[in-house]
Amino acid sequence: MSASKLIRRKPILLALLVGLCGNATLATLSVSQVSFSIFPIIALALAARMLYREYLSAPMEGDTPVCTLLAFLVGVFGYSAILRTEFPEMGTNFLSVMISLILVIWLAIKMGVAARPVAEEDVKS
C-alpha cells in the first residue's frame, strides 16, 4: 500500500502524451489517409524532452516506472483506436480498444484509484 503513495503523476501524464504523440507522428508520416502535420512531431519532441528532464530531476521510486510504461502503452493503443474509428477502412479497432481498456484498468489498480475501501475493523487491528 505504501508503494502506491510513491507514484508521481507528472511522469505518467508525460508518458501518456509521448505515446499519443509518437503514434500520431508515425501515422502522419506513414498512413495515407492522415494528412501531414508538423504539430505531432513538435509535441512529441517537447513531451519527450520534458519526460527526460523529469526523469533526471527526481528518482522513479515504487511503481512509477511500471505505471509510466502502462500510460505510454495506453497512449499508443488509444490513438490507434481513435484513428481506426475515424478511418474504418484501416480495419477494426476492437483489439486496440480492448488492450487500452485492460491497460487503463491495470494502471488504475496500480495507482490505487480502483482500490477497495478498507474496513474500519481492518484498520484497527
N, C-alpha and C. Protein backbone atom coordinates (compact mmCIF):
# COMPACT_ATOMS: atom_id res chain seq x y z
N MET A 1 0.81 -1.19 0.00
CA MET A 1 0.00 0.00 0.00
C MET A 1 0.86 1.26 0.00
N SER A 2 2.02 1.17 0.64
CA SER A 2 2.87 2.35 0.68
C SER A 2 3.52 2.63 -0.67
N ALA A 3 3.64 1.59 -1.54
CA ALA A 3 4.24 1.80 -2.85
C ALA A 3 3.36 2.67 -3.73
N SER A 4 2.04 2.61 -3.54
CA SER A 4 1.15 3.42 -4.36
C SER A 4 1.27 4.90 -4.02
N LYS A 5 1.71 5.22 -2.81
CA LYS A 5 1.87 6.62 -2.42
C LYS A 5 3.13 7.23 -3.04
N LEU A 6 4.06 6.40 -3.50
CA LEU A 6 5.28 6.89 -4.11
C LEU A 6 5.14 7.21 -5.59
N ILE A 7 4.00 6.97 -6.17
CA ILE A 7 3.80 7.17 -7.60
C ILE A 7 3.53 8.65 -7.87
N ARG A 8 4.39 9.25 -8.69
CA ARG A 8 4.21 10.64 -9.08
C ARG A 8 3.36 10.70 -10.34
N ARG A 9 2.54 11.73 -10.45
CA ARG A 9 1.59 11.84 -11.55
C ARG A 9 2.20 12.46 -12.81
N LYS A 10 3.17 13.36 -12.65
CA LYS A 10 3.72 14.09 -13.80
C LYS A 10 4.38 13.17 -14.83
N PRO A 11 5.23 12.21 -14.43
CA PRO A 11 5.81 11.34 -15.46
C PRO A 11 4.78 10.46 -16.14
N ILE A 12 3.74 10.12 -15.42
CA ILE A 12 2.69 9.27 -16.02
C ILE A 12 1.93 10.06 -17.08
N LEU A 13 1.61 11.30 -16.79
CA LEU A 13 0.93 12.13 -17.77
C LEU A 13 1.81 12.41 -18.98
N LEU A 14 3.09 12.67 -18.73
CA LEU A 14 4.01 12.91 -19.85
C LEU A 14 4.21 11.66 -20.70
N ALA A 15 4.25 10.49 -20.08
CA ALA A 15 4.38 9.25 -20.84
C ALA A 15 3.15 9.00 -21.70
N LEU A 16 1.97 9.31 -21.18
CA LEU A 16 0.75 9.20 -21.97
C LEU A 16 0.81 10.12 -23.18
N LEU A 17 1.29 11.33 -22.97
CA LEU A 17 1.43 12.30 -24.06
C LEU A 17 2.47 11.85 -25.08
N VAL A 18 3.58 11.28 -24.63
CA VAL A 18 4.60 10.78 -25.55
C VAL A 18 4.04 9.63 -26.38
N GLY A 19 3.25 8.75 -25.78
CA GLY A 19 2.63 7.65 -26.52
C GLY A 19 1.66 8.15 -27.58
N LEU A 20 0.81 9.10 -27.20
CA LEU A 20 -0.14 9.68 -28.16
C LEU A 20 0.59 10.37 -29.31
N CYS A 21 1.55 11.22 -28.96
CA CYS A 21 2.25 11.99 -30.00
C CYS A 21 3.15 11.11 -30.85
N GLY A 22 3.73 10.08 -30.26
CA GLY A 22 4.56 9.17 -31.05
C GLY A 22 3.75 8.42 -32.08
N ASN A 23 2.60 7.93 -31.68
CA ASN A 23 1.75 7.22 -32.63
C ASN A 23 1.17 8.19 -33.66
N ALA A 24 0.85 9.42 -33.24
CA ALA A 24 0.35 10.41 -34.19
C ALA A 24 1.42 10.78 -35.21
N THR A 25 2.67 10.90 -34.76
CA THR A 25 3.76 11.20 -35.68
C THR A 25 3.96 10.06 -36.67
N LEU A 26 3.94 8.85 -36.16
CA LEU A 26 4.08 7.69 -37.04
C LEU A 26 2.93 7.61 -38.05
N ALA A 27 1.72 7.88 -37.60
CA ALA A 27 0.57 7.86 -38.51
C ALA A 27 0.65 8.99 -39.53
N THR A 28 1.11 10.16 -39.10
CA THR A 28 1.24 11.29 -40.02
C THR A 28 2.24 10.98 -41.13
N LEU A 29 3.31 10.30 -40.78
CA LEU A 29 4.36 10.02 -41.75
C LEU A 29 4.10 8.79 -42.61
N SER A 30 3.25 7.86 -42.14
CA SER A 30 3.13 6.59 -42.86
C SER A 30 1.73 6.25 -43.38
N VAL A 31 0.69 6.80 -42.82
CA VAL A 31 -0.67 6.45 -43.23
C VAL A 31 -1.15 7.47 -44.26
N SER A 32 -1.62 6.97 -45.40
CA SER A 32 -2.00 7.87 -46.49
C SER A 32 -3.31 8.63 -46.20
N GLN A 33 -4.18 8.10 -45.36
CA GLN A 33 -5.44 8.79 -45.06
C GLN A 33 -5.25 9.99 -44.15
N VAL A 34 -4.18 10.00 -43.37
CA VAL A 34 -3.93 11.09 -42.43
C VAL A 34 -3.10 12.16 -43.12
N SER A 35 -3.58 13.39 -43.08
CA SER A 35 -2.84 14.48 -43.72
C SER A 35 -1.63 14.85 -42.88
N PHE A 36 -0.58 15.33 -43.54
CA PHE A 36 0.66 15.67 -42.84
C PHE A 36 0.47 16.90 -41.99
N SER A 37 1.04 16.85 -40.80
CA SER A 37 1.06 17.99 -39.90
C SER A 37 2.35 17.97 -39.10
N ILE A 38 2.91 19.12 -38.86
CA ILE A 38 4.15 19.21 -38.11
C ILE A 38 3.90 19.19 -36.60
N PHE A 39 2.67 19.45 -36.18
CA PHE A 39 2.37 19.59 -34.77
C PHE A 39 2.57 18.32 -33.94
N PRO A 40 2.24 17.12 -34.44
CA PRO A 40 2.56 15.93 -33.63
C PRO A 40 4.06 15.73 -33.43
N ILE A 41 4.85 16.11 -34.40
CA ILE A 41 6.30 15.98 -34.29
C ILE A 41 6.84 16.94 -33.23
N ILE A 42 6.34 18.17 -33.25
CA ILE A 42 6.76 19.16 -32.26
C ILE A 42 6.31 18.74 -30.86
N ALA A 43 5.07 18.29 -30.75
CA ALA A 43 4.55 17.86 -29.45
C ALA A 43 5.32 16.64 -28.93
N LEU A 44 5.69 15.72 -29.82
CA LEU A 44 6.48 14.56 -29.40
C LEU A 44 7.84 14.99 -28.87
N ALA A 45 8.49 15.89 -29.56
CA ALA A 45 9.81 16.35 -29.12
C ALA A 45 9.73 17.06 -27.77
N LEU A 46 8.74 17.92 -27.60
CA LEU A 46 8.61 18.65 -26.33
C LEU A 46 8.22 17.72 -25.18
N ALA A 47 7.30 16.80 -25.42
CA ALA A 47 6.88 15.88 -24.36
C ALA A 47 8.00 14.92 -23.98
N ALA A 48 8.75 14.44 -24.96
CA ALA A 48 9.86 13.54 -24.66
C ALA A 48 10.96 14.28 -23.89
N ARG A 49 11.21 15.54 -24.25
CA ARG A 49 12.20 16.32 -23.53
C ARG A 49 11.78 16.56 -22.09
N MET A 50 10.51 16.89 -21.88
CA MET A 50 10.02 17.11 -20.52
C MET A 50 10.05 15.82 -19.69
N LEU A 51 9.72 14.70 -20.31
CA LEU A 51 9.77 13.43 -19.60
C LEU A 51 11.21 13.10 -19.21
N TYR A 52 12.16 13.36 -20.09
CA TYR A 52 13.56 13.11 -19.79
C TYR A 52 14.05 14.03 -18.66
N ARG A 53 13.66 15.28 -18.68
CA ARG A 53 14.03 16.21 -17.61
C ARG A 53 13.41 15.79 -16.28
N GLU A 54 12.19 15.30 -16.32
CA GLU A 54 11.54 14.82 -15.10
C GLU A 54 12.25 13.58 -14.57
N TYR A 55 12.68 12.73 -15.48
CA TYR A 55 13.43 11.53 -15.09
C TYR A 55 14.76 11.90 -14.43
N LEU A 56 15.43 12.93 -14.93
CA LEU A 56 16.70 13.35 -14.36
C LEU A 56 16.54 14.09 -13.04
N SER A 57 15.44 14.79 -12.86
CA SER A 57 15.26 15.64 -11.68
C SER A 57 14.93 14.85 -10.41
N ALA A 58 14.18 13.78 -10.53
CA ALA A 58 13.77 13.01 -9.35
C ALA A 58 13.79 11.53 -9.67
N PRO A 59 14.19 10.73 -8.71
CA PRO A 59 14.24 9.29 -8.98
C PRO A 59 12.83 8.70 -9.11
N MET A 60 12.72 7.68 -9.92
CA MET A 60 11.45 6.99 -10.09
C MET A 60 11.42 5.83 -9.09
N GLU A 61 10.65 6.00 -8.04
CA GLU A 61 10.58 5.01 -6.98
C GLU A 61 9.25 4.30 -7.00
N GLY A 62 9.22 3.15 -6.38
CA GLY A 62 7.98 2.40 -6.24
C GLY A 62 7.51 1.85 -7.57
N ASP A 63 6.24 2.04 -7.85
CA ASP A 63 5.63 1.54 -9.08
C ASP A 63 5.60 2.59 -10.19
N THR A 64 6.32 3.67 -10.04
CA THR A 64 6.31 4.73 -11.05
C THR A 64 6.79 4.26 -12.42
N PRO A 65 7.88 3.47 -12.54
CA PRO A 65 8.29 3.02 -13.88
C PRO A 65 7.24 2.14 -14.57
N VAL A 66 6.61 1.26 -13.81
CA VAL A 66 5.59 0.39 -14.39
C VAL A 66 4.39 1.21 -14.84
N CYS A 67 3.97 2.14 -14.01
CA CYS A 67 2.83 2.98 -14.36
C CYS A 67 3.14 3.89 -15.54
N THR A 68 4.39 4.34 -15.64
CA THR A 68 4.79 5.16 -16.78
C THR A 68 4.73 4.35 -18.07
N LEU A 69 5.20 3.12 -18.02
CA LEU A 69 5.12 2.25 -19.20
C LEU A 69 3.68 1.96 -19.57
N LEU A 70 2.84 1.70 -18.58
CA LEU A 70 1.42 1.46 -18.86
C LEU A 70 0.76 2.68 -19.50
N ALA A 71 1.07 3.87 -19.00
CA ALA A 71 0.50 5.09 -19.56
C ALA A 71 0.98 5.30 -20.99
N PHE A 72 2.24 5.01 -21.27
CA PHE A 72 2.76 5.12 -22.64
C PHE A 72 1.99 4.18 -23.57
N LEU A 73 1.79 2.94 -23.15
CA LEU A 73 1.06 1.98 -23.99
C LEU A 73 -0.40 2.36 -24.15
N VAL A 74 -1.00 2.94 -23.11
CA VAL A 74 -2.38 3.43 -23.24
C VAL A 74 -2.45 4.51 -24.30
N GLY A 75 -1.47 5.40 -24.32
CA GLY A 75 -1.43 6.45 -25.34
C GLY A 75 -1.28 5.89 -26.74
N VAL A 76 -0.41 4.90 -26.90
CA VAL A 76 -0.18 4.30 -28.23
C VAL A 76 -1.43 3.58 -28.72
N PHE A 77 -1.96 2.71 -27.90
CA PHE A 77 -3.14 1.95 -28.33
C PHE A 77 -4.40 2.81 -28.39
N GLY A 78 -4.48 3.82 -27.53
CA GLY A 78 -5.64 4.73 -27.56
C GLY A 78 -5.70 5.53 -28.85
N TYR A 79 -4.54 6.05 -29.28
CA TYR A 79 -4.53 6.80 -30.54
C TYR A 79 -4.82 5.88 -31.72
N SER A 80 -4.32 4.67 -31.65
CA SER A 80 -4.60 3.71 -32.71
C SER A 80 -6.10 3.42 -32.81
N ALA A 81 -6.75 3.30 -31.66
CA ALA A 81 -8.21 3.06 -31.66
C ALA A 81 -8.96 4.27 -32.22
N ILE A 82 -8.54 5.47 -31.84
CA ILE A 82 -9.19 6.68 -32.35
C ILE A 82 -9.00 6.80 -33.85
N LEU A 83 -7.79 6.51 -34.33
CA LEU A 83 -7.50 6.60 -35.75
C LEU A 83 -8.32 5.61 -36.55
N ARG A 84 -8.45 4.40 -36.04
CA ARG A 84 -9.23 3.38 -36.75
C ARG A 84 -10.73 3.64 -36.66
N THR A 85 -11.17 4.39 -35.66
CA THR A 85 -12.56 4.80 -35.61
C THR A 85 -12.84 5.87 -36.65
N GLU A 86 -11.88 6.76 -36.82
CA GLU A 86 -12.04 7.84 -37.80
C GLU A 86 -11.96 7.33 -39.24
N PHE A 87 -11.10 6.35 -39.48
CA PHE A 87 -10.92 5.77 -40.81
C PHE A 87 -11.21 4.27 -40.75
N PRO A 88 -12.47 3.86 -40.90
CA PRO A 88 -12.83 2.44 -40.76
C PRO A 88 -12.19 1.54 -41.83
N GLU A 89 -11.77 2.11 -42.95
CA GLU A 89 -11.15 1.30 -43.98
C GLU A 89 -9.76 0.78 -43.56
N MET A 90 -9.21 1.31 -42.48
CA MET A 90 -7.93 0.82 -41.96
C MET A 90 -8.07 -0.51 -41.22
N GLY A 91 -9.27 -0.84 -40.82
CA GLY A 91 -9.51 -2.09 -40.11
C GLY A 91 -10.28 -1.84 -38.83
N THR A 92 -10.47 -2.92 -38.10
CA THR A 92 -11.26 -2.82 -36.88
C THR A 92 -10.42 -2.26 -35.74
N ASN A 93 -11.08 -1.61 -34.81
CA ASN A 93 -10.39 -1.05 -33.66
C ASN A 93 -10.68 -1.85 -32.40
N PHE A 94 -11.27 -3.03 -32.53
CA PHE A 94 -11.66 -3.82 -31.36
C PHE A 94 -10.46 -4.19 -30.50
N LEU A 95 -9.39 -4.67 -31.13
CA LEU A 95 -8.22 -5.10 -30.37
C LEU A 95 -7.55 -3.91 -29.66
N SER A 96 -7.46 -2.78 -30.33
CA SER A 96 -6.87 -1.59 -29.71
C SER A 96 -7.69 -1.10 -28.53
N VAL A 97 -8.99 -1.13 -28.67
CA VAL A 97 -9.87 -0.69 -27.57
C VAL A 97 -9.76 -1.64 -26.39
N MET A 98 -9.75 -2.94 -26.64
CA MET A 98 -9.66 -3.91 -25.55
C MET A 98 -8.31 -3.83 -24.83
N ILE A 99 -7.23 -3.69 -25.58
CA ILE A 99 -5.92 -3.57 -24.95
C ILE A 99 -5.84 -2.28 -24.14
N SER A 100 -6.37 -1.18 -24.68
CA SER A 100 -6.38 0.09 -23.95
C SER A 100 -7.19 -0.02 -22.67
N LEU A 101 -8.33 -0.66 -22.75
CA LEU A 101 -9.18 -0.81 -21.58
C LEU A 101 -8.50 -1.64 -20.49
N ILE A 102 -7.86 -2.74 -20.88
CA ILE A 102 -7.16 -3.58 -19.91
C ILE A 102 -6.00 -2.81 -19.28
N LEU A 103 -5.26 -2.06 -20.09
CA LEU A 103 -4.14 -1.28 -19.56
C LEU A 103 -4.60 -0.16 -18.63
N VAL A 104 -5.72 0.48 -18.94
CA VAL A 104 -6.24 1.54 -18.07
C VAL A 104 -6.69 0.96 -16.74
N ILE A 105 -7.34 -0.20 -16.77
CA ILE A 105 -7.76 -0.84 -15.52
C ILE A 105 -6.55 -1.23 -14.69
N TRP A 106 -5.53 -1.79 -15.34
CA TRP A 106 -4.31 -2.18 -14.64
C TRP A 106 -3.62 -0.95 -14.04
N LEU A 107 -3.58 0.15 -14.80
CA LEU A 107 -2.98 1.39 -14.31
C LEU A 107 -3.76 1.94 -13.11
N ALA A 108 -5.06 1.88 -13.17
CA ALA A 108 -5.89 2.37 -12.06
C ALA A 108 -5.66 1.55 -10.80
N ILE A 109 -5.52 0.24 -10.96
CA ILE A 109 -5.25 -0.61 -9.81
C ILE A 109 -3.87 -0.33 -9.23
N LYS A 110 -2.87 -0.17 -10.10
CA LYS A 110 -1.50 0.10 -9.64
C LYS A 110 -1.41 1.43 -8.91
N MET A 111 -2.14 2.44 -9.39
CA MET A 111 -2.07 3.75 -8.78
C MET A 111 -2.95 3.87 -7.54
N GLY A 112 -3.78 2.89 -7.29
CA GLY A 112 -4.63 2.93 -6.12
C GLY A 112 -5.95 3.63 -6.33
N VAL A 113 -6.25 4.00 -7.56
CA VAL A 113 -7.51 4.68 -7.85
C VAL A 113 -8.68 3.70 -7.73
N ALA A 114 -8.45 2.46 -8.14
CA ALA A 114 -9.50 1.46 -8.13
C ALA A 114 -9.40 0.52 -6.93
N ALA A 115 -8.71 0.95 -5.87
CA ALA A 115 -8.55 0.10 -4.68
C ALA A 115 -9.85 0.05 -3.90
N ARG A 116 -10.07 -1.10 -3.30
CA ARG A 116 -11.26 -1.24 -2.48
C ARG A 116 -11.07 -0.48 -1.18
N PRO A 117 -12.15 0.10 -0.65
CA PRO A 117 -12.02 0.80 0.64
C PRO A 117 -11.73 -0.21 1.76
N VAL A 118 -10.92 0.21 2.71
CA VAL A 118 -10.53 -0.65 3.81
C VAL A 118 -11.56 -0.49 4.93
N ALA A 119 -12.02 -1.62 5.44
CA ALA A 119 -13.00 -1.59 6.53
C ALA A 119 -12.34 -1.08 7.81
N GLU A 120 -13.15 -0.51 8.72
CA GLU A 120 -12.61 0.06 9.96
C GLU A 120 -12.02 -1.02 10.86
N GLU A 121 -12.56 -2.24 10.82
CA GLU A 121 -12.03 -3.32 11.65
C GLU A 121 -10.61 -3.69 11.22
N ASP A 122 -10.35 -3.62 9.90
CA ASP A 122 -9.02 -3.95 9.41
C ASP A 122 -8.00 -2.88 9.77
N VAL A 123 -8.42 -1.65 9.88
CA VAL A 123 -7.51 -0.56 10.20
C VAL A 123 -7.09 -0.63 11.67
N LYS A 124 -8.03 -0.97 12.57
CA LYS A 124 -7.74 -1.01 14.00
C LYS A 124 -6.82 -2.16 14.36
N SER A 125 -6.90 -3.29 13.64
CA SER A 125 -6.08 -4.44 14.01
C SER A 125 -4.75 -4.48 13.34
